[in-house]
C-alpha cells in the first residue's frame, strides 16, 4: 500500500525546486562578489520593492520585528509615548512598540474580518498618543481611510504592519504605501519570504527613510562617523538576492493563493466551518486561510488523521500573554479578540497547493 503523503502547512521545498536555477545563480553571484553586508543586491532589491509597493523608499533590515521598531523610532516615538494597535495580532507588533520604549494601547478587532476595529480607535487616544499602528492581518488590509482621517485630526503618525500583506491592495494602492511608513517581514513562510530572517521598511517620506538608514547601521552614513545611536539591523545581501528572484514571482504566487482560497470556499461551503470574509475595500492575498469552528479540537484530530498540517493564528490574545501582563488588561477587555482565539484554525495555504490536497483537507473537515 502506498503511504499517504502529508499535506504541509507551507511547502517551501517545492517552491524552491520551481526556481532553483535562478536562486542558486543569485546566491552564487553574491558569494563570488563577496559583498555580504549592504551589497549590490540589497540596493537593487530596495529599489525594486519600493517600486512594487508604489512608494519611493525601501530599506532592508534584519527582521519584520526590527522593521516595526525602526519605523516607530524613525517617527520619533519613544519613552512615555503611546501607540494604538489591535488586540488580535502576533506579539511582535506589541513587542516592537515596547522595544521602542513606548506603550501599546490595544483596541478590539471587528468580528467579521478580525482587523482593527476603526470605530474604537478615537476613544483610545490620549495626550500621550503618538501613532496608530494598524495590522494588515492574514493577507488583507485594514480599513485605512478612516484610520488616516483620525490620525490627521489628531496629528498622529500611521505605521502599517504589513508583515502579512505583501502585494495586497487597498482601494487600488499597495499595502506599504498607505501610511507614513510601513514594516514588512520576509520570514520564510511569508508570501515573499527569504531563506532566513529579513525585513524591510517602506515609506514615501525622505526624512523617515534617512532616519531608518542611520538607525539600521550604527547611526552612520559614512563609516565610523556616527550621527545617531543606531544599531545593527541590516538585510543580508544573500537574502536580498533571493528576494529579488522571488519578487518576480510574487504576483503569480498571490494569484495562485487566491485560486486556492476560492477552491477552499467551494469545497467547504456546506460544512460547519466559518469561511474567511474578504474586505470590500481591498484584495486578500491569503498569507493565511483561516476558518472558524466551534469544535477546534475535533477538527484538528480529523486533520491529523488525514495527515494534513494546520496552525492557529493566534491561540492566546496578545493582551493575555504573560509577557504582556504589565499592560494591565484583564480577561474580557477585548471580547471579540477573546472569542476568536479559541475558534480559529489555519488550513494549509501556499501557491503550489493542489486541488487534490484541498479536496483531502475538505474531506477531513467533513469527516468523510
Protein backbone atom coordinates (compact mmCIF):
# COMPACT_ATOMS: atom_id res chain seq x y z
CA UNK A 1 0.00 0.00 0.00
CA UNK A 2 1.31 3.44 -0.94
CA UNK A 3 1.81 5.72 2.05
CA UNK A 4 -0.30 8.87 2.09
CA UNK A 5 1.87 11.95 1.85
CA UNK A 6 1.46 14.64 4.48
CA UNK A 7 -0.08 17.88 3.26
CA UNK A 8 2.31 20.53 4.54
CA UNK A 9 1.10 23.77 6.04
CA UNK A 10 3.62 25.60 3.81
CA UNK A 11 5.69 23.88 1.11
CA UNK A 12 8.90 25.83 0.72
CA UNK A 13 10.83 22.90 -0.75
CA UNK A 14 8.50 22.64 -3.76
CA UNK A 15 8.69 26.40 -4.27
CA UNK A 16 12.49 26.28 -4.20
CA UNK A 17 12.63 23.50 -6.81
CA UNK A 18 10.49 25.58 -9.17
CA UNK A 19 13.03 28.45 -9.14
CA UNK A 20 16.17 26.56 -8.12
CA UNK A 21 18.40 27.57 -11.01
CA UNK A 22 17.68 31.27 -10.58
CA UNK A 23 18.06 31.13 -6.79
CA UNK A 24 21.32 29.20 -6.97
CA UNK A 25 22.74 31.61 -9.54
CA UNK A 26 21.73 34.64 -7.48
CA UNK A 27 23.39 33.27 -4.33
CA UNK A 28 26.50 32.22 -6.25
CA UNK A 29 26.87 35.74 -7.63
CA UNK A 30 26.92 37.17 -4.10
CA UNK A 31 29.46 34.56 -3.00
CA UNK A 32 31.62 35.43 -6.00
CA UNK A 33 31.49 39.18 -5.31
CA UNK A 34 31.81 38.83 -1.54
CA UNK A 35 29.61 41.88 -0.82
CA UNK A 36 27.79 40.25 2.07
CA UNK A 37 26.75 43.39 4.02
CA UNK A 38 24.62 46.07 2.31
CA UNK A 39 25.84 44.81 -1.03
CA UNK A 40 24.64 45.29 -4.58
CA UNK A 41 21.57 43.08 -4.29
CA UNK A 42 20.37 44.93 -1.18
CA UNK A 43 20.40 48.23 -3.07
CA UNK A 44 18.68 46.70 -6.11
CA UNK A 45 16.06 44.89 -4.05
CA UNK A 46 15.28 48.09 -2.17
CA UNK A 47 14.68 49.88 -5.47
CA UNK A 48 12.57 47.05 -6.86
CA UNK A 49 10.45 46.51 -3.76
CA UNK A 50 9.82 50.25 -3.36
CA UNK A 51 8.62 50.36 -6.97
CA UNK A 52 6.49 47.26 -6.42
CA UNK A 53 4.82 48.80 -3.36
CA UNK A 54 4.31 52.12 -5.15
CA UNK A 55 6.45 54.12 -2.77
CA UNK A 56 9.72 55.97 -3.12
CA UNK A 57 11.89 54.40 -0.42
CA UNK A 58 12.65 50.91 0.89
CA UNK A 59 15.28 50.00 3.48
CA UNK A 60 16.18 46.37 4.05
CA UNK A 61 16.54 45.36 7.71
CA UNK A 62 17.17 42.21 9.72
CA UNK A 63 13.57 41.16 10.50
CA UNK A 64 9.96 42.22 10.46
CA UNK A 65 10.10 43.00 14.18
CA UNK A 66 13.09 45.26 13.60
CA UNK A 67 11.23 46.89 10.70
CA UNK A 68 8.39 47.78 13.07
CA UNK A 69 10.72 49.06 15.78
CA UNK A 70 12.81 51.14 13.38
CA UNK A 71 9.68 52.59 11.77
CA UNK A 72 8.47 53.64 15.21
CA UNK A 73 11.82 55.14 16.14
CA UNK A 74 12.07 56.98 12.81
CA UNK A 75 8.75 58.64 13.67
CA UNK A 76 10.27 59.88 16.93
CA UNK A 77 8.29 57.51 19.13
CA UNK A 78 9.89 56.55 22.42
CA UNK A 79 9.61 56.56 26.18
CA UNK A 80 6.36 57.99 27.52
CA UNK A 81 4.53 57.71 24.21
CA UNK A 82 1.53 55.53 23.40
CA UNK A 83 0.81 53.67 20.17
CA UNK A 84 -2.66 52.35 19.37
CA UNK A 85 -2.84 48.92 17.75
CA UNK A 86 -5.07 45.84 17.67
CA UNK A 87 -5.53 43.14 20.29
CA UNK A 88 -5.70 40.48 17.53
CA UNK A 89 -2.17 40.25 16.17
CA UNK A 90 1.14 38.44 16.57
CA UNK A 91 3.04 39.54 19.64
CA UNK A 92 5.81 41.11 17.52
CA UNK A 93 3.51 44.09 16.91
CA UNK A 94 3.36 44.97 20.59
CA UNK A 95 6.92 43.89 21.34
CA UNK A 96 8.24 46.33 18.73
CA UNK A 97 6.30 49.18 20.34
CA UNK A 98 7.76 48.28 23.73
CA UNK A 99 11.27 47.89 22.29
CA UNK A 100 10.95 51.45 21.01
CA UNK A 101 10.23 52.50 24.60
CA UNK A 102 6.54 53.25 24.05
CA UNK A 103 3.38 51.67 25.46
CA UNK A 104 0.97 49.66 23.29
CA UNK A 105 -2.65 50.73 23.72
CA UNK A 106 -4.89 47.99 22.39
CA UNK A 107 -8.33 48.15 20.80
CA UNK A 108 -10.52 45.23 19.82
CA UNK A 109 -10.84 43.76 16.34
CA UNK A 110 -14.02 43.68 14.29
CA UNK A 111 -15.96 40.38 14.32
CA UNK A 112 -16.20 39.91 10.55
CA UNK A 113 -12.58 40.28 9.38
CA UNK A 114 -10.56 40.19 12.59
CA UNK A 115 -8.93 43.51 11.65
CA UNK A 116 -8.56 46.52 13.93
CA UNK A 117 -11.99 47.98 14.73
CA UNK A 118 -11.65 51.52 13.42
CA UNK A 119 -14.72 52.64 15.39
CA UNK A 120 -12.82 52.08 18.64
CA UNK A 121 -9.64 53.99 17.82
CA UNK A 122 -10.73 57.54 18.62
CA UNK A 123 -11.79 56.63 22.17
CA UNK A 124 -8.32 55.17 22.85
CA UNK A 125 -6.47 58.42 22.05
CA UNK A 126 -4.89 60.24 24.99
CA UNK A 127 -2.48 63.19 25.22
CA UNK A 128 0.35 60.62 25.12
CA UNK A 129 -0.77 59.01 21.85
CA UNK A 130 1.75 59.50 19.07
CA UNK A 131 0.80 56.89 16.44
CA UNK A 132 -1.72 54.36 15.16
CA UNK A 133 -0.32 51.01 14.07
CA UNK A 134 -2.91 49.07 12.04
CA UNK A 135 -2.13 45.45 11.16
CA UNK A 136 -2.92 44.10 7.68
CA UNK A 137 -3.79 40.70 9.08
CA UNK A 138 -3.68 37.31 7.30
CA UNK A 139 -3.13 38.99 3.91
CA UNK A 140 -5.72 41.73 3.67
CA UNK A 141 -5.61 45.44 4.54
CA UNK A 142 -7.10 47.24 7.48
CA UNK A 143 -9.58 49.97 6.53
CA UNK A 144 -7.05 52.75 6.13
CA UNK A 145 -9.10 55.80 5.10
CA UNK A 146 -10.86 56.25 8.46
CA UNK A 147 -7.58 55.49 10.25
CA UNK A 148 -5.78 58.16 8.26
CA UNK A 149 -8.60 60.62 8.89
CA UNK A 150 -8.39 60.06 12.64
CA UNK A 151 -4.60 60.39 12.51
CA UNK A 152 -4.74 63.67 10.61
CA UNK A 153 -7.28 65.08 13.03
CA UNK A 154 -5.00 64.32 15.99
CA UNK A 155 -1.57 64.83 14.33
CA UNK A 156 -0.63 61.17 14.74
CA UNK A 157 1.74 59.06 12.67
CA UNK A 158 0.35 55.99 10.88
CA UNK A 159 2.67 52.98 10.79
CA UNK A 160 1.48 49.99 8.76
CA UNK A 161 2.24 46.49 9.98
CA UNK A 162 2.29 44.95 6.50
CA UNK A 163 4.23 41.86 7.57
CA UNK A 164 1.47 39.54 6.27
CA UNK A 165 0.28 41.57 3.28
CA UNK A 166 2.93 41.52 0.56
CA UNK A 167 1.18 42.60 -2.64
CA UNK A 168 -2.26 43.26 -1.14
CA UNK A 169 -4.17 46.29 -2.37
CA UNK A 170 -6.26 48.85 -0.51
CA UNK A 171 -8.53 50.75 -2.92
CA UNK A 172 -6.03 50.32 -5.73
CA UNK A 173 -2.89 51.08 -3.72
CA UNK A 174 -0.45 48.54 -2.33
CA UNK A 175 -0.07 47.92 1.35
CA UNK A 176 3.17 49.56 2.39
CA UNK A 177 2.34 52.84 0.64
CA UNK A 178 -0.69 53.95 2.65
CA UNK A 179 0.61 55.44 5.90
CA UNK A 180 3.65 57.47 6.87
CA UNK A 181 5.81 54.37 6.99
CA UNK A 182 5.36 50.58 6.84
CA UNK A 183 7.05 47.40 8.01
CA UNK A 184 7.39 44.09 6.16
CA UNK A 185 8.68 40.70 7.28
CA UNK A 186 10.44 38.29 4.94
CA UNK A 187 10.23 35.31 7.31
CA UNK A 188 10.44 32.21 5.07
CA UNK A 189 6.72 31.34 5.25
CA UNK A 190 5.53 34.79 4.15
CA UNK A 191 4.13 35.40 0.66
CA UNK A 192 7.52 36.95 -0.12
CA UNK A 193 9.89 35.04 2.10
CA UNK A 194 13.66 34.85 2.41
CA UNK A 195 15.65 31.76 3.40
CA UNK A 196 16.16 33.15 6.90
CA UNK A 197 15.08 36.25 8.76
CA UNK A 198 14.72 39.55 6.96
CA UNK A 199 12.52 42.61 6.77
CA UNK A 200 12.05 46.00 5.16
CA UNK A 201 10.71 49.46 5.87
CA UNK A 202 8.89 51.33 3.10
CA UNK A 203 7.95 54.99 3.10
CA UNK A 204 7.21 57.87 0.79
CA UNK A 205 8.95 60.31 3.13
CA UNK A 206 12.63 61.02 2.55
CA UNK A 207 13.15 62.18 6.14
CA UNK A 208 11.89 58.89 7.58
CA UNK A 209 13.91 56.87 5.07
CA UNK A 210 17.05 58.76 6.04
CA UNK A 211 16.37 58.12 9.71
CA UNK A 212 15.96 54.36 9.17
CA UNK A 213 19.13 54.33 7.05
CA UNK A 214 21.03 55.66 10.07
CA UNK A 215 19.28 53.59 12.73
CA UNK A 216 19.83 50.25 10.97
CA UNK A 217 23.59 50.75 10.59
CA UNK A 218 25.08 52.14 13.81
CA UNK A 219 23.82 55.65 13.13
CA UNK A 220 26.36 56.15 10.38
CA UNK A 221 26.08 57.42 6.83
CA UNK A 222 29.86 57.37 6.42
CA UNK A 223 31.78 54.57 8.12
CA UNK A 224 32.94 55.46 11.65
CA UNK A 225 31.02 58.76 11.64
CA UNK A 226 28.09 58.08 13.97
CA UNK A 227 25.33 60.67 13.86
CA UNK A 228 22.69 58.70 15.80
CA UNK A 229 22.63 56.00 18.47
CA UNK A 230 21.78 53.36 15.91
CA UNK A 231 22.20 49.60 15.97
CA UNK A 232 22.84 46.69 13.64
CA UNK A 233 19.78 45.64 11.67
CA UNK A 234 20.76 45.03 8.06
CA UNK A 235 19.25 42.76 5.43
CA UNK A 236 21.88 40.22 4.34
CA UNK A 237 22.95 40.53 0.71
CA UNK A 238 22.33 36.82 0.07
CA UNK A 239 18.78 37.17 1.39
CA UNK A 240 18.26 40.25 -0.79
CA UNK A 241 19.44 38.29 -3.83
CA UNK A 242 16.94 35.53 -3.01
CA UNK A 243 14.15 38.09 -2.53
CA UNK A 244 14.92 39.71 -5.89
CA UNK A 245 14.33 36.39 -7.63
CA UNK A 246 11.17 35.69 -5.66
CA UNK A 247 9.73 39.18 -6.11
CA UNK A 248 9.41 38.48 -9.84
CA UNK A 249 7.01 35.64 -8.98
CA UNK A 250 5.05 37.30 -6.17
CA UNK A 251 2.01 38.41 -8.16
CA UNK A 252 1.64 34.96 -9.76
CA UNK A 253 2.05 33.28 -6.37
CA UNK A 254 -0.54 35.58 -4.82
CA UNK A 255 -2.95 34.78 -7.66
CA UNK A 256 -2.36 31.07 -7.01
CA UNK A 257 -3.15 31.60 -3.31
CA UNK A 258 -6.36 33.38 -4.29
CA UNK A 259 -7.31 30.46 -6.57
CA UNK A 260 -6.62 28.02 -3.73
CA UNK A 261 -8.75 30.12 -1.37
CA UNK A 262 -11.61 30.12 -3.89
CA UNK A 263 -11.30 26.32 -4.17
CA UNK A 264 -11.44 26.04 -0.37
CA UNK A 265 -14.52 28.28 -0.34
CA UNK A 266 -16.31 25.96 -2.78
CA UNK A 267 -15.21 22.76 -1.04
CA UNK A 268 -16.14 23.97 2.45
CA UNK A 269 -19.28 25.92 1.58
CA UNK A 270 -21.73 23.38 3.02
CA UNK A 271 -19.67 22.35 6.03
CA UNK A 272 -19.89 23.58 9.60
CA UNK A 273 -16.94 25.96 9.48
CA UNK A 274 -16.93 29.73 9.06
CA UNK A 275 -15.05 30.83 5.95
CA UNK A 276 -12.81 33.89 5.78
CA UNK A 277 -14.54 37.07 4.62
CA UNK A 278 -12.79 39.33 2.12
CA UNK A 279 -12.93 43.05 2.81
CA UNK A 280 -14.84 45.19 0.27
CA UNK A 281 -12.10 47.84 0.27
CA UNK A 282 -9.18 45.72 -0.89
CA UNK A 283 -7.72 42.43 -2.03
CA UNK A 284 -6.79 39.43 0.09
CA UNK A 285 -3.51 37.70 -0.78
CA UNK A 286 -4.17 34.84 1.68
CA UNK A 287 -0.97 34.65 3.62
CA UNK A 288 -3.24 32.51 5.78
CA UNK A 289 -6.57 30.82 5.12
CA UNK A 290 -8.30 30.96 8.50
CA UNK A 291 -11.60 29.21 9.24
CA UNK A 292 -13.72 29.37 12.38
CA UNK A 293 -15.14 26.38 14.20
CA UNK A 294 -17.00 25.54 17.39
CA UNK A 295 -15.04 22.28 17.70
CA UNK A 296 -11.40 23.08 17.01
CA UNK A 297 -10.03 20.09 18.88
CA UNK A 298 -12.20 17.70 16.89
CA UNK A 299 -11.29 19.41 13.63
CA UNK A 300 -7.61 19.21 14.47
CA UNK A 301 -7.93 15.49 15.21
CA UNK A 302 -9.59 14.84 11.84
CA UNK A 303 -6.91 16.82 10.01
CA UNK A 304 -4.16 14.99 11.89
CA UNK A 305 -5.72 11.65 10.95
CA UNK A 306 -5.78 12.75 7.31
CA UNK A 307 -2.10 13.79 7.54
CA UNK A 308 -2.88 17.46 6.94
CA UNK A 309 -0.90 20.02 8.85
CA UNK A 310 -2.62 23.09 10.33
CA UNK A 311 -1.94 26.07 12.60
CA UNK A 312 -3.56 28.59 14.94
CA UNK A 313 -3.00 32.31 14.40
CA UNK A 314 -3.24 33.11 17.30
CA UNK A 315 -4.25 30.82 20.19
CA UNK A 316 -3.80 33.37 23.00
CA UNK A 317 -4.81 37.02 22.52
CA UNK A 318 -1.82 39.32 22.83
CA UNK A 319 -3.15 41.04 25.95
CA UNK A 320 -3.50 37.68 27.73
CA UNK A 321 0.12 36.69 27.10
CA UNK A 322 2.25 36.52 30.24
CA UNK A 323 4.85 38.74 28.56
CA UNK A 324 2.22 41.49 28.19
CA UNK A 325 0.93 41.36 31.78
CA UNK A 326 2.39 44.79 32.53
CA UNK A 327 -0.13 46.36 30.16
CA UNK A 328 -2.77 45.60 32.77
CA UNK A 329 -5.58 44.31 30.55
CA UNK A 330 -7.94 41.92 32.29
CA UNK A 331 -9.77 38.99 30.77
CA UNK A 332 -12.80 40.32 28.94
CA UNK A 333 -11.12 43.58 27.93
CA UNK A 334 -11.39 42.72 24.23
CA UNK A 335 -14.31 40.32 23.80
CA UNK A 336 -14.11 39.91 20.02
CA UNK A 337 -10.41 39.01 20.05
CA UNK A 338 -11.02 36.68 23.00
CA UNK A 339 -13.89 34.96 21.19
CA UNK A 340 -11.78 34.48 18.06
CA UNK A 341 -8.81 32.89 19.81
CA UNK A 342 -10.44 29.52 20.66
CA UNK A 343 -12.35 29.24 17.38
CA UNK A 344 -9.84 29.95 14.58
CA UNK A 345 -7.81 27.40 12.64
CA UNK A 346 -5.43 27.99 9.74
CA UNK A 347 -5.52 25.45 6.91
CA UNK A 348 -2.65 24.64 4.53
CA UNK A 349 -2.02 27.58 2.20
CA UNK A 350 0.76 28.02 -0.35
CA UNK A 351 0.85 28.76 -4.08
CA UNK A 352 1.54 25.15 -5.07
CA UNK A 353 -1.43 23.74 -3.11
CA UNK A 354 -3.23 21.34 -5.43
CA UNK A 355 -6.94 20.69 -5.94
CA UNK A 356 -6.38 17.13 -4.72
CA UNK A 357 -4.81 18.40 -1.50
CA UNK A 358 -7.67 20.85 -0.97
CA UNK A 359 -10.15 18.02 -1.53
CA UNK A 360 -8.36 15.91 1.11
CA UNK A 361 -8.48 18.77 3.62
CA UNK A 362 -12.19 19.31 2.90
CA UNK A 363 -12.93 15.60 3.28
CA UNK A 364 -11.16 15.55 6.62
CA UNK A 365 -13.14 18.55 7.83
CA UNK A 366 -16.34 16.87 6.68
CA UNK A 367 -15.34 13.67 8.48
CA UNK A 368 -15.60 11.55 5.36
